[in-house]
Amino acid sequence: IVAGWTMSFGMGSADFWLIKTNSSGAMLWNKTYGGAGEDKAYSVQQTSDGGYIITGSTESRGAGSSDFWLVKTDAEGVAQWNKTYGGQYADSAFCVQQTSDGGYIVAGATESFGTDSSDFWLVKTVANGFVQWNKTFGGTGFDRAFSVVQTSDLGYIVAGETGSFGSGNLDFWLVRTDSAGTVLWSRTYGGASLDTARSVQQTSDGGYIVAGWTNSFGTGGSDYWLVK
């Protein structure tokens, strides 16, 4: 299952695009979701009922210039429900995971809430997409969350980039929370230049593996960076 956006099909300048393939990569079906504005999907996961949960940003609906958009489909990609979350400014979701209670955890960036220009935004929903709680994390700089995973103790690990903390323009930022989204600890990794984390997973030893890219270290303008 592949999620992104298309300007070739659908209703608007960009629409969510969901493609289902067989094991050889041949397309079985595809669906678009969106309106007249730009709607961009960044993350998809198959859900426990065989359907799919998709998240990204929408300019076609919601409260602000862009909002988090969560779309739940059945196994054939037919939308069952959708929800927007956001305020009057730009809010973009980059990752969604189904949680052990059947709800969803969505991570991204908000300019509508939090401390300043852009903050990590974590939204926890129940199974039908209604908000259970939400939390912002950040400082006076530019902070964006790109990845979230539920941890073995039912808390969350969130990874992204921070311009508020650390040693450079942007650094990897790893934030660990409990099951209610309260911060347990956070760590930054980086150098004097631009470093951004895009994906995090918990490892079998209870630690974490974080992937992104670095302009502070390595051989070129930017290199893959893997931090354990």
N, C-alpha and C. Protein backbone atom coordinates (compact mmCIF):
# COMPACT_ATOMS: atom_id res chain seq x y z
N ILE A 1 0.87 -1.18 0.00
CA ILE A 1 0.00 0.00 0.00
C ILE A 1 0.91 1.23 0.00
N VAL A 2 0.64 2.18 -0.88
CA VAL A 2 1.49 3.36 -1.06
C VAL A 2 0.62 4.61 -0.97
N ALA A 3 1.06 5.59 -0.19
CA ALA A 3 0.32 6.85 -0.05
C ALA A 3 1.19 8.02 -0.45
N GLY A 4 0.58 9.00 -1.09
CA GLY A 4 1.27 10.23 -1.48
C GLY A 4 0.24 11.21 -1.98
N TRP A 5 0.58 11.93 -3.05
CA TRP A 5 -0.40 12.83 -3.62
C TRP A 5 -0.25 12.87 -5.13
N THR A 6 -1.33 13.28 -5.78
CA THR A 6 -1.36 13.33 -7.23
C THR A 6 -1.93 14.65 -7.72
N MET A 7 -1.34 15.17 -8.79
CA MET A 7 -1.90 16.30 -9.51
C MET A 7 -2.46 15.85 -10.87
N SER A 8 -2.37 14.55 -11.13
CA SER A 8 -2.84 14.00 -12.40
C SER A 8 -4.30 13.56 -12.34
N PHE A 9 -4.76 13.18 -11.15
CA PHE A 9 -6.11 12.66 -10.97
C PHE A 9 -6.76 13.37 -9.79
N GLY A 10 -8.06 13.10 -9.57
CA GLY A 10 -8.74 13.65 -8.41
C GLY A 10 -9.42 14.97 -8.69
N MET A 11 -9.65 15.73 -7.63
CA MET A 11 -10.52 16.91 -7.71
C MET A 11 -9.78 18.24 -7.70
N GLY A 12 -8.57 18.27 -7.13
CA GLY A 12 -7.94 19.56 -6.89
C GLY A 12 -6.54 19.63 -7.42
N SER A 13 -5.81 20.66 -6.98
CA SER A 13 -4.43 20.86 -7.42
C SER A 13 -3.55 19.72 -6.94
N ALA A 14 -3.81 19.16 -5.77
CA ALA A 14 -3.16 17.94 -5.28
C ALA A 14 -4.16 17.22 -4.40
N ASP A 15 -4.26 15.91 -4.56
CA ASP A 15 -5.15 15.08 -3.75
C ASP A 15 -4.36 13.93 -3.13
N PHE A 16 -4.81 13.47 -1.97
CA PHE A 16 -4.31 12.21 -1.43
C PHE A 16 -4.45 11.16 -2.52
N TRP A 17 -3.43 10.30 -2.66
CA TRP A 17 -3.51 9.19 -3.63
C TRP A 17 -3.05 7.92 -2.94
N LEU A 18 -3.91 6.91 -2.96
CA LEU A 18 -3.65 5.62 -2.33
C LEU A 18 -3.60 4.56 -3.42
N ILE A 19 -2.50 3.81 -3.47
CA ILE A 19 -2.31 2.78 -4.48
C ILE A 19 -2.09 1.44 -3.79
N LYS A 20 -2.87 0.44 -4.17
CA LYS A 20 -2.70 -0.94 -3.68
C LYS A 20 -2.13 -1.77 -4.81
N THR A 21 -1.04 -2.50 -4.51
CA THR A 21 -0.41 -3.35 -5.51
C THR A 21 -0.45 -4.82 -5.06
N ASN A 22 -0.16 -5.71 -6.01
CA ASN A 22 0.06 -7.10 -5.63
C ASN A 22 1.51 -7.28 -5.23
N SER A 23 1.93 -8.53 -4.99
CA SER A 23 3.27 -8.79 -4.48
C SER A 23 4.36 -8.48 -5.49
N SER A 24 3.98 -8.32 -6.77
CA SER A 24 4.96 -7.98 -7.81
C SER A 24 4.96 -6.49 -8.13
N GLY A 25 4.14 -5.71 -7.42
CA GLY A 25 4.10 -4.27 -7.64
C GLY A 25 3.10 -3.81 -8.68
N ALA A 26 2.34 -4.74 -9.28
CA ALA A 26 1.32 -4.35 -10.25
C ALA A 26 0.12 -3.76 -9.52
N MET A 27 -0.39 -2.63 -10.03
CA MET A 27 -1.50 -1.94 -9.37
C MET A 27 -2.78 -2.78 -9.39
N LEU A 28 -3.39 -2.92 -8.22
CA LEU A 28 -4.69 -3.58 -8.10
C LEU A 28 -5.82 -2.56 -8.12
N TRP A 29 -5.64 -1.46 -7.39
CA TRP A 29 -6.61 -0.36 -7.40
C TRP A 29 -5.94 0.89 -6.88
N ASN A 30 -6.58 2.03 -7.13
CA ASN A 30 -6.10 3.29 -6.56
C ASN A 30 -7.28 4.19 -6.26
N LYS A 31 -7.13 5.04 -5.27
CA LYS A 31 -8.20 5.96 -4.85
C LYS A 31 -7.60 7.33 -4.59
N THR A 32 -8.39 8.36 -4.89
CA THR A 32 -8.00 9.73 -4.52
C THR A 32 -9.00 10.28 -3.51
N TYR A 33 -8.50 11.18 -2.66
CA TYR A 33 -9.32 11.84 -1.65
C TYR A 33 -8.87 13.29 -1.59
N GLY A 34 -9.83 14.22 -1.66
CA GLY A 34 -9.44 15.61 -1.57
C GLY A 34 -10.51 16.55 -2.07
N GLY A 35 -10.16 17.84 -2.07
CA GLY A 35 -11.06 18.88 -2.53
C GLY A 35 -10.35 19.82 -3.46
N ALA A 36 -10.76 21.08 -3.46
CA ALA A 36 -10.24 22.05 -4.41
C ALA A 36 -8.83 22.53 -4.07
N GLY A 37 -8.43 22.41 -2.80
CA GLY A 37 -7.10 22.86 -2.38
C GLY A 37 -6.07 21.76 -2.47
N GLU A 38 -4.87 22.02 -1.93
CA GLU A 38 -3.80 21.02 -1.94
C GLU A 38 -3.96 20.08 -0.75
N ASP A 39 -4.04 18.79 -1.04
CA ASP A 39 -4.18 17.75 -0.03
C ASP A 39 -3.07 16.73 -0.26
N LYS A 40 -2.15 16.59 0.72
CA LYS A 40 -0.95 15.77 0.53
C LYS A 40 -0.85 14.73 1.64
N ALA A 41 -0.83 13.45 1.23
CA ALA A 41 -0.68 12.34 2.17
C ALA A 41 0.79 11.99 2.34
N TYR A 42 1.19 11.75 3.58
CA TYR A 42 2.57 11.42 3.91
C TYR A 42 2.74 10.05 4.56
N SER A 43 1.67 9.42 5.01
CA SER A 43 1.81 8.19 5.78
C SER A 43 0.57 7.33 5.65
N VAL A 44 0.77 6.01 5.57
CA VAL A 44 -0.35 5.06 5.53
C VAL A 44 0.04 3.80 6.29
N GLN A 45 -0.93 3.18 6.90
CA GLN A 45 -0.71 1.90 7.57
C GLN A 45 -1.97 1.06 7.42
N GLN A 46 -1.79 -0.25 7.22
CA GLN A 46 -2.94 -1.14 7.25
C GLN A 46 -3.42 -1.28 8.69
N THR A 47 -4.73 -1.25 8.88
CA THR A 47 -5.32 -1.33 10.22
C THR A 47 -5.72 -2.76 10.54
N SER A 48 -6.06 -3.00 11.80
CA SER A 48 -6.34 -4.35 12.28
C SER A 48 -7.56 -4.97 11.61
N ASP A 49 -8.45 -4.15 11.02
CA ASP A 49 -9.63 -4.67 10.33
C ASP A 49 -9.39 -4.90 8.84
N GLY A 50 -8.14 -4.74 8.39
CA GLY A 50 -7.82 -4.94 6.99
C GLY A 50 -7.96 -3.69 6.13
N GLY A 51 -8.43 -2.60 6.72
CA GLY A 51 -8.53 -1.33 6.01
C GLY A 51 -7.23 -0.56 6.11
N TYR A 52 -7.32 0.76 5.92
CA TYR A 52 -6.12 1.59 5.92
C TYR A 52 -6.39 2.91 6.64
N ILE A 53 -5.36 3.44 7.27
CA ILE A 53 -5.41 4.77 7.87
C ILE A 53 -4.36 5.62 7.18
N ILE A 54 -4.76 6.81 6.71
CA ILE A 54 -3.89 7.70 5.95
C ILE A 54 -3.87 9.04 6.65
N THR A 55 -2.70 9.66 6.68
CA THR A 55 -2.63 11.02 7.21
C THR A 55 -1.75 11.90 6.35
N GLY A 56 -1.99 13.20 6.47
CA GLY A 56 -1.23 14.22 5.75
C GLY A 56 -1.80 15.58 6.07
N SER A 57 -1.70 16.50 5.12
CA SER A 57 -2.21 17.85 5.33
C SER A 57 -3.27 18.16 4.29
N THR A 58 -4.25 18.96 4.69
CA THR A 58 -5.31 19.38 3.78
C THR A 58 -5.47 20.89 3.78
N GLU A 59 -5.64 21.44 2.59
CA GLU A 59 -6.02 22.84 2.43
C GLU A 59 -7.45 22.97 1.93
N SER A 60 -8.13 21.83 1.76
CA SER A 60 -9.49 21.83 1.21
C SER A 60 -10.55 21.90 2.29
N ARG A 61 -10.18 21.54 3.50
CA ARG A 61 -11.15 21.51 4.61
C ARG A 61 -10.43 21.82 5.90
N GLY A 62 -11.19 21.96 6.99
CA GLY A 62 -10.58 22.25 8.28
C GLY A 62 -10.64 23.71 8.63
N ALA A 63 -9.82 24.09 9.63
CA ALA A 63 -9.96 25.41 10.25
C ALA A 63 -8.96 26.44 9.77
N GLY A 64 -7.84 26.01 9.18
CA GLY A 64 -6.78 26.96 8.88
C GLY A 64 -6.25 26.85 7.48
N SER A 65 -5.07 27.43 7.26
CA SER A 65 -4.47 27.40 5.93
C SER A 65 -4.14 25.97 5.53
N SER A 66 -3.73 25.12 6.50
CA SER A 66 -3.67 23.67 6.30
C SER A 66 -3.87 23.01 7.65
N ASP A 67 -4.47 21.84 7.63
CA ASP A 67 -4.77 21.09 8.85
C ASP A 67 -4.30 19.65 8.71
N PHE A 68 -4.06 19.00 9.85
CA PHE A 68 -3.91 17.54 9.85
C PHE A 68 -5.18 16.96 9.22
N TRP A 69 -5.00 15.92 8.40
CA TRP A 69 -6.16 15.22 7.84
C TRP A 69 -5.95 13.73 8.02
N LEU A 70 -6.92 13.08 8.63
CA LEU A 70 -6.89 11.65 8.89
C LEU A 70 -8.04 11.00 8.13
N VAL A 71 -7.72 10.04 7.26
CA VAL A 71 -8.74 9.36 6.44
C VAL A 71 -8.67 7.86 6.73
N LYS A 72 -9.80 7.27 7.12
CA LYS A 72 -9.90 5.83 7.37
C LYS A 72 -10.67 5.19 6.23
N THR A 73 -10.11 4.14 5.65
CA THR A 73 -10.77 3.44 4.55
C THR A 73 -11.01 1.98 4.91
N ASP A 74 -11.86 1.33 4.09
CA ASP A 74 -12.00 -0.12 4.20
C ASP A 74 -10.90 -0.79 3.38
N ALA A 75 -10.98 -2.11 3.23
CA ALA A 75 -9.92 -2.87 2.56
C ALA A 75 -9.81 -2.55 1.08
N GLU A 76 -10.84 -1.94 0.50
CA GLU A 76 -10.83 -1.58 -0.92
C GLU A 76 -10.54 -0.10 -1.14
N GLY A 77 -10.21 0.61 -0.07
CA GLY A 77 -9.87 2.02 -0.20
C GLY A 77 -11.05 2.97 -0.18
N VAL A 78 -12.24 2.47 0.10
CA VAL A 78 -13.43 3.34 0.19
C VAL A 78 -13.41 4.05 1.55
N ALA A 79 -13.50 5.37 1.53
CA ALA A 79 -13.42 6.15 2.78
C ALA A 79 -14.59 5.82 3.69
N GLN A 80 -14.27 5.52 4.95
CA GLN A 80 -15.30 5.26 5.97
C GLN A 80 -15.56 6.50 6.81
N TRP A 81 -14.50 7.23 7.13
CA TRP A 81 -14.63 8.51 7.83
C TRP A 81 -13.35 9.30 7.63
N ASN A 82 -13.45 10.61 7.91
CA ASN A 82 -12.25 11.45 7.89
C ASN A 82 -12.39 12.53 8.94
N LYS A 83 -11.27 12.97 9.47
CA LYS A 83 -11.26 14.01 10.51
C LYS A 83 -10.13 14.99 10.22
N THR A 84 -10.37 16.27 10.52
CA THR A 84 -9.32 17.28 10.46
C THR A 84 -9.03 17.79 11.87
N TYR A 85 -7.77 18.17 12.08
CA TYR A 85 -7.32 18.72 13.36
C TYR A 85 -6.41 19.90 13.05
N GLY A 86 -6.67 21.03 13.70
CA GLY A 86 -5.81 22.18 13.47
C GLY A 86 -6.43 23.48 13.91
N GLY A 87 -5.68 24.56 13.74
CA GLY A 87 -6.12 25.90 14.08
C GLY A 87 -6.08 26.81 12.86
N GLN A 88 -5.87 28.09 13.07
CA GLN A 88 -5.99 29.04 11.97
C GLN A 88 -4.75 29.13 11.10
N TYR A 89 -3.63 28.54 11.55
CA TYR A 89 -2.40 28.60 10.77
C TYR A 89 -2.08 27.23 10.17
N ALA A 90 -0.86 27.06 9.70
CA ALA A 90 -0.48 25.84 8.99
C ALA A 90 -0.16 24.70 9.96
N ASP A 91 -0.85 23.58 9.78
CA ASP A 91 -0.63 22.37 10.56
C ASP A 91 -0.53 21.19 9.59
N SER A 92 0.54 20.41 9.68
CA SER A 92 0.77 19.32 8.74
C SER A 92 1.12 18.04 9.49
N ALA A 93 0.41 16.95 9.18
CA ALA A 93 0.68 15.64 9.76
C ALA A 93 1.59 14.85 8.84
N PHE A 94 2.57 14.15 9.43
CA PHE A 94 3.54 13.39 8.64
C PHE A 94 3.58 11.91 8.95
N CYS A 95 2.95 11.46 10.04
CA CYS A 95 3.02 10.05 10.39
C CYS A 95 1.79 9.64 11.18
N VAL A 96 1.27 8.44 10.90
CA VAL A 96 0.16 7.88 11.67
C VAL A 96 0.46 6.41 11.96
N GLN A 97 0.09 5.97 13.16
CA GLN A 97 0.18 4.57 13.55
C GLN A 97 -1.09 4.21 14.32
N GLN A 98 -1.59 2.99 14.08
CA GLN A 98 -2.67 2.50 14.93
C GLN A 98 -2.08 2.09 16.26
N THR A 99 -2.80 2.39 17.33
CA THR A 99 -2.33 2.09 18.68
C THR A 99 -2.98 0.81 19.21
N SER A 100 -2.45 0.31 20.31
CA SER A 100 -2.90 -0.99 20.84
C SER A 100 -4.37 -0.97 21.27
N ASP A 101 -4.92 0.20 21.55
CA ASP A 101 -6.32 0.31 21.96
C ASP A 101 -7.27 0.48 20.78
N GLY A 102 -6.75 0.40 19.55
CA GLY A 102 -7.58 0.55 18.36
C GLY A 102 -7.70 1.97 17.86
N GLY A 103 -7.15 2.93 18.60
CA GLY A 103 -7.14 4.31 18.15
C GLY A 103 -5.93 4.59 17.28
N TYR A 104 -5.56 5.87 17.18
CA TYR A 104 -4.46 6.28 16.31
C TYR A 104 -3.61 7.36 16.98
N ILE A 105 -2.32 7.34 16.65
CA ILE A 105 -1.41 8.39 17.07
C ILE A 105 -0.90 9.08 15.81
N VAL A 106 -0.99 10.40 15.77
CA VAL A 106 -0.62 11.19 14.59
C VAL A 106 0.43 12.21 15.02
N ALA A 107 1.51 12.30 14.26
CA ALA A 107 2.58 13.25 14.57
C ALA A 107 2.82 14.17 13.39
N GLY A 108 3.14 15.43 13.71
CA GLY A 108 3.43 16.39 12.66
C GLY A 108 3.90 17.70 13.26
N ALA A 109 3.55 18.78 12.60
CA ALA A 109 4.00 20.11 13.02
C ALA A 109 2.81 21.06 13.04
N THR A 110 2.79 21.93 14.04
CA THR A 110 1.73 22.92 14.16
C THR A 110 2.29 24.33 14.28
N GLU A 111 1.68 25.24 13.56
CA GLU A 111 1.93 26.67 13.73
C GLU A 111 0.77 27.36 14.43
N SER A 112 -0.29 26.60 14.72
CA SER A 112 -1.48 27.15 15.36
C SER A 112 -1.41 27.10 16.88
N PHE A 113 -0.66 26.14 17.41
CA PHE A 113 -0.60 25.91 18.85
C PHE A 113 0.87 25.82 19.27
N GLY A 114 1.11 25.78 20.57
CA GLY A 114 2.47 25.62 21.06
C GLY A 114 3.12 26.94 21.40
N THR A 115 4.47 26.96 21.32
CA THR A 115 5.23 28.08 21.87
C THR A 115 5.58 29.15 20.85
N ASP A 116 5.81 28.75 19.60
CA ASP A 116 6.24 29.76 18.62
C ASP A 116 6.02 29.24 17.21
N SER A 117 6.97 29.49 16.30
CA SER A 117 6.76 29.35 14.85
C SER A 117 6.24 27.99 14.44
N SER A 118 6.84 26.91 14.91
CA SER A 118 6.38 25.57 14.58
C SER A 118 6.82 24.62 15.68
N ASP A 119 5.91 23.77 16.13
CA ASP A 119 6.21 22.82 17.20
C ASP A 119 5.81 21.41 16.78
N PHE A 120 6.47 20.42 17.39
CA PHE A 120 5.97 19.05 17.31
C PHE A 120 4.51 19.05 17.77
N TRP A 121 3.66 18.31 17.05
CA TRP A 121 2.28 18.15 17.51
C TRP A 121 1.92 16.68 17.47
N LEU A 122 1.50 16.16 18.60
CA LEU A 122 1.11 14.76 18.75
C LEU A 122 -0.38 14.72 19.08
N VAL A 123 -1.15 14.03 18.24
CA VAL A 123 -2.60 13.93 18.43
C VAL A 123 -2.96 12.46 18.60
N LYS A 124 -3.59 12.14 19.73
CA LYS A 124 -4.07 10.78 20.00
C LYS A 124 -5.58 10.75 19.81
N THR A 125 -6.05 9.81 19.02
CA THR A 125 -7.49 9.69 18.78
C THR A 125 -8.00 8.34 19.27
N VAL A 126 -9.31 8.26 19.42
CA VAL A 126 -9.96 6.97 19.64
C VAL A 126 -10.22 6.34 18.27
N ALA A 127 -10.87 5.18 18.26
CA ALA A 127 -10.99 4.39 17.03
C ALA A 127 -11.75 5.10 15.92
N ASN A 128 -12.66 6.01 16.26
CA ASN A 128 -13.44 6.71 15.23
C ASN A 128 -12.86 8.07 14.88
N GLY A 129 -11.63 8.36 15.34
CA GLY A 129 -10.95 9.58 14.94
C GLY A 129 -11.18 10.78 15.83
N PHE A 130 -12.02 10.66 16.85
CA PHE A 130 -12.22 11.79 17.76
C PHE A 130 -11.02 11.93 18.69
N VAL A 131 -10.63 13.17 18.96
CA VAL A 131 -9.41 13.44 19.72
C VAL A 131 -9.56 12.99 21.17
N GLN A 132 -8.60 12.23 21.65
CA GLN A 132 -8.52 11.81 23.04
C GLN A 132 -7.65 12.80 23.82
N TRP A 133 -6.49 13.15 23.24
CA TRP A 133 -5.63 14.20 23.78
C TRP A 133 -4.68 14.66 22.69
N ASN A 134 -4.07 15.84 22.93
CA ASN A 134 -3.03 16.31 22.02
C ASN A 134 -1.98 17.06 22.83
N LYS A 135 -0.73 17.02 22.34
CA LYS A 135 0.38 17.65 23.04
C LYS A 135 1.29 18.34 22.03
N THR A 136 1.82 19.50 22.41
CA THR A 136 2.85 20.16 21.61
C THR A 136 4.17 20.14 22.37
N PHE A 137 5.27 20.07 21.61
CA PHE A 137 6.62 20.09 22.17
C PHE A 137 7.46 21.00 21.28
N GLY A 138 8.17 21.94 21.90
CA GLY A 138 9.01 22.81 21.09
C GLY A 138 9.49 24.02 21.86
N GLY A 139 10.25 24.84 21.15
CA GLY A 139 10.77 26.08 21.71
C GLY A 139 10.49 27.23 20.77
N THR A 140 11.38 28.20 20.76
CA THR A 140 11.15 29.41 19.98
C THR A 140 11.53 29.24 18.52
N GLY A 141 12.20 28.16 18.17
CA GLY A 141 12.61 27.91 16.79
C GLY A 141 11.61 27.06 16.04
N PHE A 142 12.10 26.46 14.95
CA PHE A 142 11.28 25.69 14.03
C PHE A 142 11.45 24.21 14.37
N ASP A 143 10.37 23.55 14.84
CA ASP A 143 10.40 22.15 15.26
C ASP A 143 9.31 21.37 14.54
N ARG A 144 9.68 20.25 13.90
CA ARG A 144 8.70 19.44 13.17
C ARG A 144 8.92 17.96 13.47
N ALA A 145 7.84 17.25 13.79
CA ALA A 145 7.88 15.80 14.03
C ALA A 145 7.51 15.07 12.74
N PHE A 146 8.33 14.06 12.39
CA PHE A 146 8.09 13.30 11.16
C PHE A 146 7.74 11.84 11.40
N SER A 147 7.96 11.34 12.61
CA SER A 147 7.76 9.91 12.85
C SER A 147 7.34 9.68 14.29
N VAL A 148 6.42 8.74 14.49
CA VAL A 148 6.00 8.36 15.84
C VAL A 148 5.71 6.87 15.86
N VAL A 149 6.08 6.22 16.96
CA VAL A 149 5.83 4.79 17.17
C VAL A 149 5.39 4.60 18.62
N GLN A 150 4.39 3.73 18.82
CA GLN A 150 4.04 3.35 20.18
C GLN A 150 5.12 2.40 20.71
N THR A 151 5.55 2.62 21.93
CA THR A 151 6.61 1.82 22.52
C THR A 151 6.05 0.63 23.29
N SER A 152 6.94 -0.25 23.73
CA SER A 152 6.52 -1.50 24.38
C SER A 152 5.77 -1.26 25.70
N ASP A 153 5.99 -0.10 26.33
CA ASP A 153 5.29 0.23 27.57
C ASP A 153 4.05 1.09 27.32
N LEU A 154 3.64 1.19 26.04
CA LEU A 154 2.44 1.91 25.59
C LEU A 154 2.62 3.43 25.59
N GLY A 155 3.84 3.89 25.79
CA GLY A 155 4.15 5.29 25.54
C GLY A 155 4.46 5.52 24.08
N TYR A 156 5.17 6.62 23.77
CA TYR A 156 5.46 6.95 22.38
C TYR A 156 6.88 7.49 22.25
N ILE A 157 7.49 7.20 21.09
CA ILE A 157 8.76 7.80 20.73
C ILE A 157 8.52 8.61 19.46
N VAL A 158 8.95 9.87 19.48
CA VAL A 158 8.69 10.81 18.39
C VAL A 158 10.03 11.35 17.90
N ALA A 159 10.20 11.40 16.58
CA ALA A 159 11.45 11.90 16.01
C ALA A 159 11.16 12.95 14.95
N GLY A 160 12.08 13.93 14.86
CA GLY A 160 11.95 14.97 13.85
C GLY A 160 13.14 15.90 13.90
N GLU A 161 12.88 17.15 13.65
CA GLU A 161 13.96 18.14 13.61
C GLU A 161 13.63 19.30 14.54
N THR A 162 14.68 19.86 15.13
CA THR A 162 14.50 21.02 16.01
C THR A 162 15.45 22.15 15.66
N GLY A 163 14.90 23.35 15.62
CA GLY A 163 15.68 24.56 15.51
C GLY A 163 15.72 25.31 16.83
N SER A 164 15.08 24.74 17.85
CA SER A 164 15.01 25.37 19.17
C SER A 164 16.09 24.90 20.11
N PHE A 165 16.54 23.66 19.93
CA PHE A 165 17.48 23.04 20.86
C PHE A 165 18.63 22.43 20.06
N GLY A 166 19.68 22.01 20.77
CA GLY A 166 20.78 21.33 20.11
C GLY A 166 21.91 22.27 19.74
N SER A 167 22.75 21.81 18.80
CA SER A 167 24.00 22.51 18.53
C SER A 167 24.04 23.23 17.19
N GLY A 168 23.07 23.02 16.31
CA GLY A 168 23.16 23.60 14.97
C GLY A 168 21.89 24.30 14.54
N ASN A 169 21.82 24.60 13.24
CA ASN A 169 20.62 25.19 12.66
C ASN A 169 19.40 24.30 12.88
N LEU A 170 19.57 23.02 12.53
CA LEU A 170 18.57 22.00 12.81
C LEU A 170 19.29 20.77 13.31
N ASP A 171 18.71 20.09 14.29
CA ASP A 171 19.26 18.84 14.82
C ASP A 171 18.17 17.77 14.85
N PHE A 172 18.60 16.51 14.83
CA PHE A 172 17.69 15.41 15.17
C PHE A 172 17.10 15.73 16.55
N TRP A 173 15.80 15.47 16.71
CA TRP A 173 15.19 15.60 18.04
C TRP A 173 14.36 14.36 18.31
N LEU A 174 14.66 13.70 19.41
CA LEU A 174 13.98 12.50 19.85
C LEU A 174 13.27 12.80 21.16
N VAL A 175 11.95 12.59 21.17
CA VAL A 175 11.13 12.89 22.36
C VAL A 175 10.42 11.61 22.80
N ARG A 176 10.60 11.26 24.05
CA ARG A 176 9.97 10.06 24.63
C ARG A 176 8.87 10.50 25.57
N THR A 177 7.66 9.94 25.39
CA THR A 177 6.52 10.29 26.24
C THR A 177 5.93 9.05 26.89
N ASP A 178 5.08 9.29 27.88
CA ASP A 178 4.29 8.20 28.44
C ASP A 178 3.01 8.03 27.62
N SER A 179 2.11 7.19 28.09
CA SER A 179 0.91 6.87 27.31
C SER A 179 -0.05 8.04 27.19
N ALA A 180 0.11 9.07 28.04
CA ALA A 180 -0.74 10.26 27.98
C ALA A 180 -0.07 11.42 27.25
N GLY A 181 1.13 11.17 26.68
CA GLY A 181 1.81 12.22 25.93
C GLY A 181 2.67 13.14 26.77
N THR A 182 2.85 12.82 28.05
CA THR A 182 3.72 13.63 28.92
C THR A 182 5.17 13.26 28.65
N VAL A 183 6.01 14.28 28.47
CA VAL A 183 7.41 14.04 28.12
C VAL A 183 8.15 13.37 29.28
N LEU A 184 8.84 12.26 28.98
CA LEU A 184 9.71 11.59 29.94
C LEU A 184 11.15 12.05 29.77
N TRP A 185 11.58 12.21 28.52
CA TRP A 185 12.91 12.76 28.23
C TRP A 185 12.96 13.16 26.77
N SER A 186 13.97 13.96 26.42
CA SER A 186 14.22 14.28 25.02
C SER A 186 15.73 14.39 24.81
N ARG A 187 16.17 14.11 23.57
CA ARG A 187 17.58 14.17 23.23
C ARG A 187 17.74 14.82 21.86
N THR A 188 18.81 15.58 21.68
CA THR A 188 19.15 16.11 20.37
C THR A 188 20.47 15.51 19.91
N TYR A 189 20.61 15.37 18.58
CA TYR A 189 21.82 14.84 17.97
C TYR A 189 22.11 15.68 16.73
N GLY A 190 23.34 16.17 16.63
CA GLY A 190 23.66 16.97 15.45
C GLY A 190 24.93 17.77 15.62
N GLY A 191 25.25 18.51 14.57
CA GLY A 191 26.43 19.36 14.55
C GLY A 191 26.07 20.79 14.22
N ALA A 192 26.99 21.48 13.60
CA ALA A 192 26.82 22.90 13.36
C ALA A 192 25.91 23.23 12.20
N SER A 193 25.62 22.23 11.35
CA SER A 193 24.83 22.48 10.15
C SER A 193 23.43 21.87 10.29
N LEU A 194 22.81 21.50 9.16
CA LEU A 194 21.43 21.03 9.14
C LEU A 194 21.38 19.51 9.26
N ASP A 195 20.66 19.01 10.27
CA ASP A 195 20.50 17.57 10.50
C ASP A 195 19.03 17.32 10.80
N THR A 196 18.40 16.41 10.07
CA THR A 196 16.96 16.18 10.27
C THR A 196 16.64 14.70 10.31
N ALA A 197 15.88 14.28 11.31
CA ALA A 197 15.45 12.89 11.48
C ALA A 197 14.08 12.70 10.83
N ARG A 198 13.91 11.59 10.11
CA ARG A 198 12.65 11.33 9.42
C ARG A 198 11.95 10.05 9.86
N SER A 199 12.65 9.15 10.55
CA SER A 199 12.03 7.89 10.92
C SER A 199 12.64 7.34 12.20
N VAL A 200 11.80 6.74 13.05
CA VAL A 200 12.26 6.14 14.29
C VAL A 200 11.54 4.81 14.50
N GLN A 201 12.26 3.85 15.07
CA GLN A 201 11.69 2.56 15.48
C GLN A 201 12.29 2.17 16.82
N GLN A 202 11.49 1.47 17.63
CA GLN A 202 12.06 0.86 18.83
C GLN A 202 12.76 -0.44 18.43
N THR A 203 13.90 -0.72 19.05
CA THR A 203 14.67 -1.92 18.73
C THR A 203 14.42 -3.00 19.77
N SER A 204 14.85 -4.24 19.44
CA SER A 204 14.55 -5.39 20.30
C SER A 204 15.20 -5.30 21.67
N ASP A 205 16.24 -4.48 21.80
CA ASP A 205 16.90 -4.31 23.11
C ASP A 205 16.29 -3.18 23.93
N GLY A 206 15.19 -2.59 23.44
CA GLY A 206 14.51 -1.52 24.16
C GLY A 206 15.00 -0.13 23.82
N GLY A 207 16.06 -0.05 23.00
CA GLY A 207 16.54 1.25 22.55
C GLY A 207 15.79 1.72 21.32
N TYR A 208 16.44 2.61 20.56
CA TYR A 208 15.78 3.21 19.39
C TYR A 208 16.77 3.36 18.25
N ILE A 209 16.27 3.28 17.03
CA ILE A 209 17.07 3.53 15.84
C ILE A 209 16.41 4.69 15.08
N VAL A 210 17.20 5.70 14.76
CA VAL A 210 16.70 6.92 14.14
C VAL A 210 17.43 7.13 12.82
N ALA A 211 16.67 7.40 11.75
CA ALA A 211 17.26 7.63 10.43
C ALA A 211 16.86 9.00 9.90
N GLY A 212 17.81 9.63 9.22
CA GLY A 212 17.54 10.91 8.57
C GLY A 212 18.73 11.28 7.71
N TRP A 213 19.04 12.56 7.68
CA TRP A 213 20.25 12.97 6.96
C TRP A 213 20.96 14.10 7.70
N THR A 214 22.27 14.19 7.40
CA THR A 214 23.12 15.16 8.07
C THR A 214 23.94 15.96 7.07
N ASN A 215 24.04 17.23 7.33
CA ASN A 215 24.97 18.12 6.63
C ASN A 215 26.17 18.47 7.52
N SER A 216 26.14 17.98 8.77
CA SER A 216 27.21 18.30 9.72
C SER A 216 28.35 17.29 9.67
N PHE A 217 28.02 16.04 9.28
CA PHE A 217 29.01 14.96 9.30
C PHE A 217 28.98 14.23 7.96
N GLY A 218 29.93 13.32 7.77
CA GLY A 218 29.96 12.52 6.56
C GLY A 218 30.83 13.10 5.48
N THR A 219 30.61 12.68 4.23
CA THR A 219 31.54 12.99 3.14
C THR A 219 31.05 14.05 2.18
N GLY A 220 29.72 14.33 2.15
CA GLY A 220 29.20 15.21 1.12
C GLY A 220 28.35 16.32 1.67
N GLY A 221 27.61 16.95 0.77
CA GLY A 221 26.70 18.03 1.17
C GLY A 221 25.69 17.55 2.18
N SER A 222 25.09 16.37 1.92
CA SER A 222 24.26 15.72 2.92
C SER A 222 24.42 14.21 2.78
N ASP A 223 24.42 13.52 3.91
CA ASP A 223 24.59 12.07 3.96
C ASP A 223 23.47 11.46 4.76
N TYR A 224 23.15 10.19 4.44
CA TYR A 224 22.30 9.41 5.34
C TYR A 224 22.92 9.45 6.74
N TRP A 225 22.08 9.52 7.77
CA TRP A 225 22.60 9.45 9.14
C TRP A 225 21.73 8.51 9.95
N LEU A 226 22.38 7.49 10.51
CA LEU A 226 21.70 6.49 11.32
C LEU A 226 22.24 6.60 12.74
N VAL A 227 21.34 6.81 13.70
CA VAL A 227 21.72 6.99 15.10
C VAL A 227 21.04 5.90 15.93
N LYS A 228 21.80 5.09 16.66
CA LYS A 228 21.26 4.05 17.55
C LYS A 228 21.37 4.56 18.99
